[in-house]
Amino acid sequence: MRQRIKKGIAVLAAALCLGGNLAGCRGFGNTEFVLTTGLKGDQLFKVGSSVCTLPEAMIYALDYQIQYENVYGVEMWEHDFGGITLEEYVKETIISQLASMKAVTLLAKEYEVELSEEDKEKAAQAAAEYFGSLSQAEIAYMGLEEEDAENLYLDHVLSRKVYREITRDVNTEVSDDEARIITVQQIMLDSRESAENIKERLEEGKEFVTLASAYSRDNQITHTFGRGEKPSAYEEAAFALENEQVSEIVETEEGFYLLKCVNNFDREATEANKVTMVEKRRDEIFGQVYAELVANTPSEFNNKLWESVHFADWTGEGSKSFLEIYDSYFGENM
């Protein structure tokens, strides 16, 4: 049950992942921590030689709070979702994202990646803009100094540069057919006999959508997808169709299908899918490097310090988003 609740909250978190901007939202796996009391002062966790402070984590916390509270209100944080609260889940997410980013910066020396003077200057400017947008109440809540924001911006930039260096040789060529996105209508039936009866009615001139609405087991008639998203027999039949063409009966483990092609080549969606496929290739290459890094890098975590953070301790309208400011300075290059 706890796993199911966490999955449900994960969907909610993904929908509000701050526009997809938080480093780590892409996800390269979790860093396993050893609980410790050996960290000093405001040090929240340490991955190898890379340290994350509590004020840095509070920057993420405030961004998340503003996003969630604008939609669901402050009362959502302590609501029990069957053994885990939304606050607990978001706090876990923050640590996972920050740990991923901090770990990646450890690879900078190995891959000869450095921050340029321009990077440093922009990070300082972004930090000044972010810190200047905060109220005194927010600064006190986070225990923040401008240097904390600047350090976090620098880590963001460095981790993205490392990612790009590791994945710079990835094959970016994707053919139209490989990435092709199509749209079909379907009628899903329980038996071949039923499918044959519907097939006959289609051949007599009955409208596909009318029969689908009346007889299909699946309420969703229209499906848009690419390769690898449907059972092999379904996919083979669908991708062989011309526009307006109806398939023969397709048998899968789920049932029997009749398919009608609405669009056998969605150009705009196909181009977008090419980008997604290249990103997936990059993530696979990077994921291998990252997994090895995490497996061989010791880490420590001050659980007591993180448990002392309660989102209900701060209420307010919120200032500029840390990551929105990051995008304004680095978005085009990152």
Protein backbone atom coordinates (compact mmCIF):
# COMPACT_ATOMS: atom_id res chain seq x y z
CA MET A 1 0.00 0.00 0.00
CA ARG A 2 2.79 2.46 0.90
CA GLN A 3 4.44 1.81 -2.45
CA ARG A 4 1.14 2.47 -4.27
CA ILE A 5 0.63 5.73 -2.37
CA LYS A 6 4.18 6.84 -3.13
CA LYS A 7 3.62 6.09 -6.80
CA GLY A 8 0.50 8.23 -6.75
CA ILE A 9 2.31 11.11 -5.10
CA ALA A 10 5.17 10.63 -7.58
CA VAL A 11 2.76 11.30 -10.44
CA LEU A 12 1.66 14.46 -8.65
CA ALA A 13 5.26 15.51 -8.14
CA ALA A 14 6.13 14.88 -11.78
CA ALA A 15 3.26 17.10 -12.86
CA LEU A 16 4.67 19.89 -10.70
CA CYS A 17 8.37 19.31 -11.27
CA LEU A 18 8.87 23.05 -11.54
CA GLY A 19 8.57 23.02 -15.30
CA GLY A 20 11.05 20.15 -15.58
CA ASN A 21 13.85 22.47 -14.52
CA LEU A 22 15.15 21.01 -11.29
CA ALA A 23 18.41 19.20 -11.87
CA GLY A 24 17.67 15.58 -11.14
CA CYS A 25 14.08 15.66 -12.38
CA ARG A 26 15.33 13.63 -15.31
CA GLY A 27 16.49 11.07 -12.79
CA PHE A 28 19.64 8.99 -12.91
CA GLY A 29 18.90 6.82 -9.89
CA ASN A 30 19.16 7.42 -6.18
CA THR A 31 22.26 7.88 -4.09
CA GLU A 32 22.23 5.60 -1.05
CA PHE A 33 23.18 7.44 2.14
CA VAL A 34 24.74 6.31 5.39
CA LEU A 35 23.11 8.09 8.34
CA THR A 36 25.73 9.92 10.33
CA THR A 37 26.37 12.49 13.03
CA GLY A 38 29.83 13.28 11.64
CA LEU A 39 28.76 16.21 9.50
CA LYS A 40 29.34 19.69 10.86
CA GLY A 41 27.13 22.75 11.30
CA ASP A 42 24.67 23.16 8.46
CA GLN A 43 26.11 20.33 6.37
CA LEU A 44 23.13 18.21 5.33
CA PHE A 45 24.86 15.52 3.30
CA LYS A 46 28.13 14.68 1.67
CA VAL A 47 28.75 12.65 -1.49
CA GLY A 48 32.45 11.96 -1.79
CA SER A 49 34.03 15.38 -1.33
CA SER A 50 30.90 17.26 -2.47
CA VAL A 51 28.88 18.81 0.35
CA CYS A 52 25.29 20.05 0.34
CA THR A 53 24.27 22.48 3.07
CA LEU A 54 20.84 22.89 4.62
CA PRO A 55 20.37 26.39 3.14
CA GLU A 56 21.01 24.96 -0.35
CA ALA A 57 18.35 22.31 0.21
CA MET A 58 15.98 24.97 1.53
CA ILE A 59 16.21 26.77 -1.83
CA TYR A 60 14.68 23.69 -3.44
CA ALA A 61 12.22 23.36 -0.57
CA LEU A 62 10.90 26.88 -1.03
CA ASP A 63 10.51 26.44 -4.78
CA TYR A 64 8.53 23.25 -4.23
CA GLN A 65 6.41 24.81 -1.50
CA ILE A 66 5.40 27.72 -3.71
CA GLN A 67 4.49 25.41 -6.59
CA TYR A 68 2.46 22.96 -4.50
CA GLU A 69 0.73 25.47 -2.24
CA ASN A 70 -0.42 27.55 -5.19
CA VAL A 71 -2.31 24.50 -6.43
CA TYR A 72 -3.28 22.52 -3.32
CA GLY A 73 -2.90 24.83 -0.32
CA VAL A 74 -0.79 24.46 2.82
CA GLU A 75 -3.06 21.82 4.35
CA MET A 76 -1.81 19.21 1.86
CA TRP A 77 1.63 18.86 3.45
CA GLU A 78 0.59 16.86 6.49
CA HIS A 79 -2.19 14.87 4.84
CA ASP A 80 -1.62 11.14 5.39
CA PHE A 81 -1.54 9.21 2.12
CA GLY A 82 -1.41 5.84 3.82
CA GLY A 83 1.90 5.95 5.66
CA ILE A 84 3.63 8.86 3.95
CA THR A 85 2.83 12.55 3.81
CA LEU A 86 3.31 14.83 0.83
CA GLU A 87 5.95 16.72 2.81
CA GLU A 88 7.91 13.51 3.43
CA TYR A 89 7.75 12.57 -0.24
CA VAL A 90 8.86 16.00 -1.47
CA LYS A 91 11.71 16.07 1.04
CA GLU A 92 12.90 12.69 -0.25
CA THR A 93 12.68 14.03 -3.80
CA ILE A 94 14.73 17.11 -2.94
CA ILE A 95 17.52 15.03 -1.42
CA SER A 96 17.53 12.66 -4.41
CA GLN A 97 17.78 15.54 -6.88
CA LEU A 98 20.47 17.39 -4.98
CA ALA A 99 22.48 14.22 -4.38
CA SER A 100 22.39 13.41 -8.09
CA MET A 101 23.64 16.87 -9.00
CA LYS A 102 26.32 16.99 -6.32
CA ALA A 103 27.57 13.54 -7.32
CA VAL A 104 27.85 14.53 -10.98
CA THR A 105 30.10 17.48 -10.13
CA LEU A 106 32.64 14.94 -8.85
CA LEU A 107 33.19 13.83 -12.45
CA ALA A 108 34.28 17.27 -13.62
CA LYS A 109 37.99 16.68 -13.09
CA GLU A 110 37.94 13.25 -14.73
CA TYR A 111 36.27 14.65 -17.84
CA GLU A 112 38.31 17.89 -17.77
CA VAL A 113 35.25 20.08 -17.38
CA GLU A 114 35.69 23.54 -15.89
CA LEU A 115 33.54 26.57 -15.27
CA SER A 116 34.37 29.55 -17.46
CA GLU A 117 34.71 33.08 -16.15
CA GLU A 118 31.44 33.82 -17.94
CA ASP A 119 29.77 30.94 -16.07
CA LYS A 120 30.99 32.30 -12.77
CA GLU A 121 29.91 35.85 -13.58
CA LYS A 122 26.43 34.73 -14.64
CA ALA A 123 26.09 32.58 -11.51
CA ALA A 124 26.97 35.59 -9.35
CA GLN A 125 24.44 37.75 -11.20
CA ALA A 126 21.74 35.10 -10.93
CA ALA A 127 22.41 34.68 -7.21
CA ALA A 128 22.21 38.43 -6.65
CA GLU A 129 18.89 38.59 -8.50
CA TYR A 130 17.48 35.61 -6.60
CA PHE A 131 18.64 36.76 -3.18
CA GLY A 132 17.44 40.29 -3.87
CA SER A 133 13.95 38.97 -4.66
CA LEU A 134 13.57 37.29 -1.27
CA SER A 135 11.77 38.77 1.69
CA GLN A 136 13.45 38.89 5.07
CA ALA A 137 11.01 36.21 6.25
CA GLU A 138 12.09 33.90 3.44
CA ILE A 139 15.78 34.50 4.10
CA ALA A 140 15.28 33.72 7.77
CA TYR A 141 13.23 30.59 7.00
CA MET A 142 15.98 29.23 4.73
CA GLY A 143 18.92 30.50 6.81
CA LEU A 144 20.24 31.70 3.47
CA GLU A 145 23.13 33.88 2.38
CA GLU A 146 23.71 35.05 -1.18
CA GLU A 147 26.81 32.84 -1.39
CA ASP A 148 24.63 29.74 -0.85
CA ALA A 149 22.55 30.57 -3.92
CA GLU A 150 25.67 31.29 -5.96
CA ASN A 151 27.26 27.97 -5.00
CA LEU A 152 24.10 26.11 -5.99
CA TYR A 153 23.95 27.88 -9.34
CA LEU A 154 27.59 26.95 -9.96
CA ASP A 155 26.85 23.30 -9.18
CA HIS A 156 23.90 23.36 -11.57
CA VAL A 157 26.04 24.72 -14.38
CA LEU A 158 28.93 22.35 -13.70
CA SER A 159 26.74 19.25 -13.52
CA ARG A 160 25.06 20.10 -16.83
CA LYS A 161 28.44 20.71 -18.49
CA VAL A 162 29.66 17.34 -17.23
CA TYR A 163 26.53 15.67 -18.58
CA ARG A 164 27.04 17.26 -21.97
CA GLU A 165 30.71 16.24 -22.08
CA ILE A 166 29.96 12.61 -21.21
CA THR A 167 27.22 12.41 -23.84
CA ARG A 168 28.72 14.61 -26.57
CA ASP A 169 29.52 11.68 -28.88
CA VAL A 170 26.04 10.16 -28.79
CA ASN A 171 24.56 9.33 -32.19
CA THR A 172 22.02 12.06 -32.92
CA GLU A 173 20.85 10.62 -36.23
CA VAL A 174 17.28 9.31 -36.05
CA SER A 175 15.38 8.38 -39.21
CA ASP A 176 11.81 9.44 -39.89
CA ASP A 177 10.64 5.83 -39.83
CA GLU A 178 12.43 5.09 -36.57
CA ALA A 179 10.78 8.04 -34.84
CA ARG A 180 7.51 7.97 -36.74
CA ILE A 181 4.39 8.83 -34.73
CA ILE A 182 1.05 7.59 -36.02
CA THR A 183 -2.59 7.88 -34.99
CA VAL A 184 -5.07 5.02 -35.30
CA GLN A 185 -8.59 4.24 -34.20
CA GLN A 186 -9.21 0.83 -32.71
CA ILE A 187 -11.97 -1.61 -31.90
CA MET A 188 -10.94 -4.02 -29.13
CA LEU A 189 -12.90 -7.28 -28.82
CA ASP A 190 -12.82 -10.41 -26.68
CA SER A 191 -12.99 -13.07 -29.40
CA ARG A 192 -12.03 -13.65 -33.00
CA GLU A 193 -15.65 -14.44 -33.80
CA SER A 194 -16.72 -10.99 -32.57
CA ALA A 195 -13.92 -9.39 -34.53
CA GLU A 196 -14.97 -11.21 -37.71
CA ASN A 197 -18.56 -10.00 -37.26
CA ILE A 198 -17.41 -6.39 -36.86
CA LYS A 199 -15.07 -6.78 -39.84
CA GLU A 200 -17.99 -7.86 -41.99
CA ARG A 201 -20.03 -4.85 -40.91
CA LEU A 202 -17.16 -2.54 -41.77
CA GLU A 203 -16.95 -4.10 -45.22
CA GLU A 204 -20.68 -3.43 -45.59
CA GLY A 205 -19.97 0.28 -45.10
CA LYS A 206 -20.65 0.82 -41.42
CA GLU A 207 -18.71 3.71 -39.82
CA PHE A 208 -15.62 2.61 -37.88
CA VAL A 209 -16.13 5.10 -35.03
CA THR A 210 -19.79 4.14 -34.66
CA LEU A 211 -18.94 0.46 -34.27
CA ALA A 212 -16.02 1.27 -31.97
CA SER A 213 -18.28 3.34 -29.71
CA ALA A 214 -20.84 0.53 -29.54
CA TYR A 215 -18.64 -2.58 -29.25
CA SER A 216 -15.04 -1.80 -28.28
CA ARG A 217 -13.89 -2.99 -24.85
CA ASP A 218 -11.61 0.03 -24.61
CA ASN A 219 -13.39 3.35 -24.12
CA GLN A 220 -10.48 5.15 -25.76
CA ILE A 221 -10.90 4.80 -29.51
CA THR A 222 -8.10 7.01 -30.86
CA HIS A 223 -4.47 6.24 -30.01
CA THR A 224 -1.33 8.17 -30.98
CA PHE A 225 1.99 6.38 -30.48
CA GLY A 226 5.45 5.51 -31.74
CA ARG A 227 7.39 2.30 -32.11
CA GLY A 228 7.86 0.16 -29.02
CA GLU A 229 4.71 1.34 -27.26
CA LYS A 230 2.28 -1.39 -28.37
CA PRO A 231 2.41 -5.20 -28.58
CA SER A 232 4.48 -6.33 -31.57
CA ALA A 233 1.56 -7.70 -33.61
CA TYR A 234 -0.46 -4.53 -32.99
CA GLU A 235 2.48 -2.30 -33.89
CA GLU A 236 3.35 -4.22 -37.05
CA ALA A 237 -0.22 -3.99 -38.33
CA ALA A 238 -0.64 -0.32 -37.38
CA PHE A 239 2.57 0.90 -38.95
CA ALA A 240 1.80 -0.94 -42.21
CA LEU A 241 -1.48 0.93 -42.77
CA GLU A 242 -2.04 3.80 -45.17
CA ASN A 243 -4.33 6.66 -44.20
CA GLU A 244 -8.00 5.56 -43.92
CA GLN A 245 -7.03 1.91 -44.37
CA VAL A 246 -8.50 -0.72 -42.02
CA SER A 247 -6.39 -3.64 -40.83
CA GLU A 248 -7.11 -7.32 -40.79
CA ILE A 249 -7.89 -8.80 -37.37
CA VAL A 250 -4.93 -8.38 -35.01
CA GLU A 251 -4.54 -10.87 -32.16
CA THR A 252 -2.64 -9.99 -28.99
CA GLU A 253 -2.61 -11.32 -25.42
CA GLU A 254 -5.06 -8.57 -24.47
CA GLY A 255 -7.63 -9.34 -27.13
CA PHE A 256 -8.51 -8.95 -30.81
CA TYR A 257 -8.25 -5.62 -32.61
CA LEU A 258 -9.38 -3.92 -35.76
CA LEU A 259 -7.39 -0.79 -36.57
CA LYS A 260 -8.06 2.17 -38.82
CA CYS A 261 -5.26 4.55 -39.70
CA VAL A 262 -6.06 8.22 -39.13
CA ASN A 263 -2.55 9.59 -39.74
CA ASN A 264 0.36 7.36 -40.70
CA PHE A 265 2.96 10.11 -40.30
CA ASP A 266 2.53 12.96 -37.85
CA ARG A 267 5.44 15.19 -38.88
CA GLU A 268 5.40 17.53 -35.88
CA ALA A 269 5.12 14.71 -33.33
CA THR A 270 7.77 12.69 -35.17
CA GLU A 271 10.27 15.56 -35.00
CA ALA A 272 9.56 15.92 -31.27
CA ASN A 273 10.05 12.19 -30.83
CA LYS A 274 13.46 12.40 -32.50
CA VAL A 275 14.54 14.80 -29.76
CA THR A 276 13.16 12.47 -27.09
CA MET A 277 14.97 9.47 -28.59
CA VAL A 278 18.30 11.28 -28.68
CA GLU A 279 17.82 12.37 -25.07
CA LYS A 280 17.09 8.78 -24.13
CA ARG A 281 20.34 7.67 -25.77
CA ARG A 282 22.21 10.34 -23.81
CA ASP A 283 20.56 9.28 -20.57
CA GLU A 284 21.48 5.64 -21.16
CA ILE A 285 25.13 6.49 -21.73
CA PHE A 286 25.23 8.87 -18.80
CA GLY A 287 23.34 6.43 -16.59
CA GLN A 288 26.09 3.85 -16.94
CA VAL A 289 28.73 6.34 -15.84
CA TYR A 290 26.55 7.63 -13.02
CA ALA A 291 25.77 4.14 -11.68
CA GLU A 292 29.46 3.33 -11.46
CA LEU A 293 30.14 6.64 -9.72
CA VAL A 294 27.46 6.08 -7.08
CA ALA A 295 28.55 2.49 -6.47
CA ASN A 296 32.09 3.64 -5.69
CA THR A 297 31.45 6.88 -3.82
CA PRO A 298 30.88 7.00 -0.04
CA SER A 299 28.15 9.28 1.27
CA GLU A 300 26.84 10.61 4.57
CA PHE A 301 23.54 12.18 5.56
CA ASN A 302 22.46 14.17 8.62
CA ASN A 303 18.95 12.81 9.03
CA LYS A 304 18.31 14.69 12.28
CA LEU A 305 19.00 18.03 10.61
CA TRP A 306 16.63 17.31 7.73
CA GLU A 307 13.91 16.07 10.07
CA SER A 308 13.96 19.47 11.76
CA VAL A 309 12.59 21.06 8.57
CA HIS A 310 8.81 21.49 8.48
CA PHE A 311 7.16 23.22 5.55
CA ALA A 312 4.39 24.57 7.77
CA ASP A 313 7.01 26.79 9.48
CA TRP A 314 6.79 29.19 6.54
CA THR A 315 3.77 30.68 4.80
CA GLY A 316 3.74 33.42 2.23
CA GLU A 317 3.25 34.34 -1.40
CA GLY A 318 6.76 33.46 -2.50
CA SER A 319 9.32 35.31 -4.58
CA LYS A 320 10.97 34.46 -7.88
CA SER A 321 11.70 30.82 -8.56
CA PHE A 322 15.35 29.86 -8.17
CA LEU A 323 15.17 27.72 -11.31
CA GLU A 324 13.31 30.29 -13.38
CA ILE A 325 16.16 32.69 -12.73
CA TYR A 326 18.63 29.93 -13.62
CA ASP A 327 16.89 29.43 -16.95
CA SER A 328 16.97 33.13 -17.70
CA TYR A 329 20.77 33.10 -17.41
CA PHE A 330 21.69 29.61 -18.59
CA GLY A 331 18.63 28.07 -20.26
CA GLU A 332 19.71 28.51 -23.88
CA ASN A 333 23.17 27.08 -23.26
CA MET A 334 22.24 24.27 -20.92
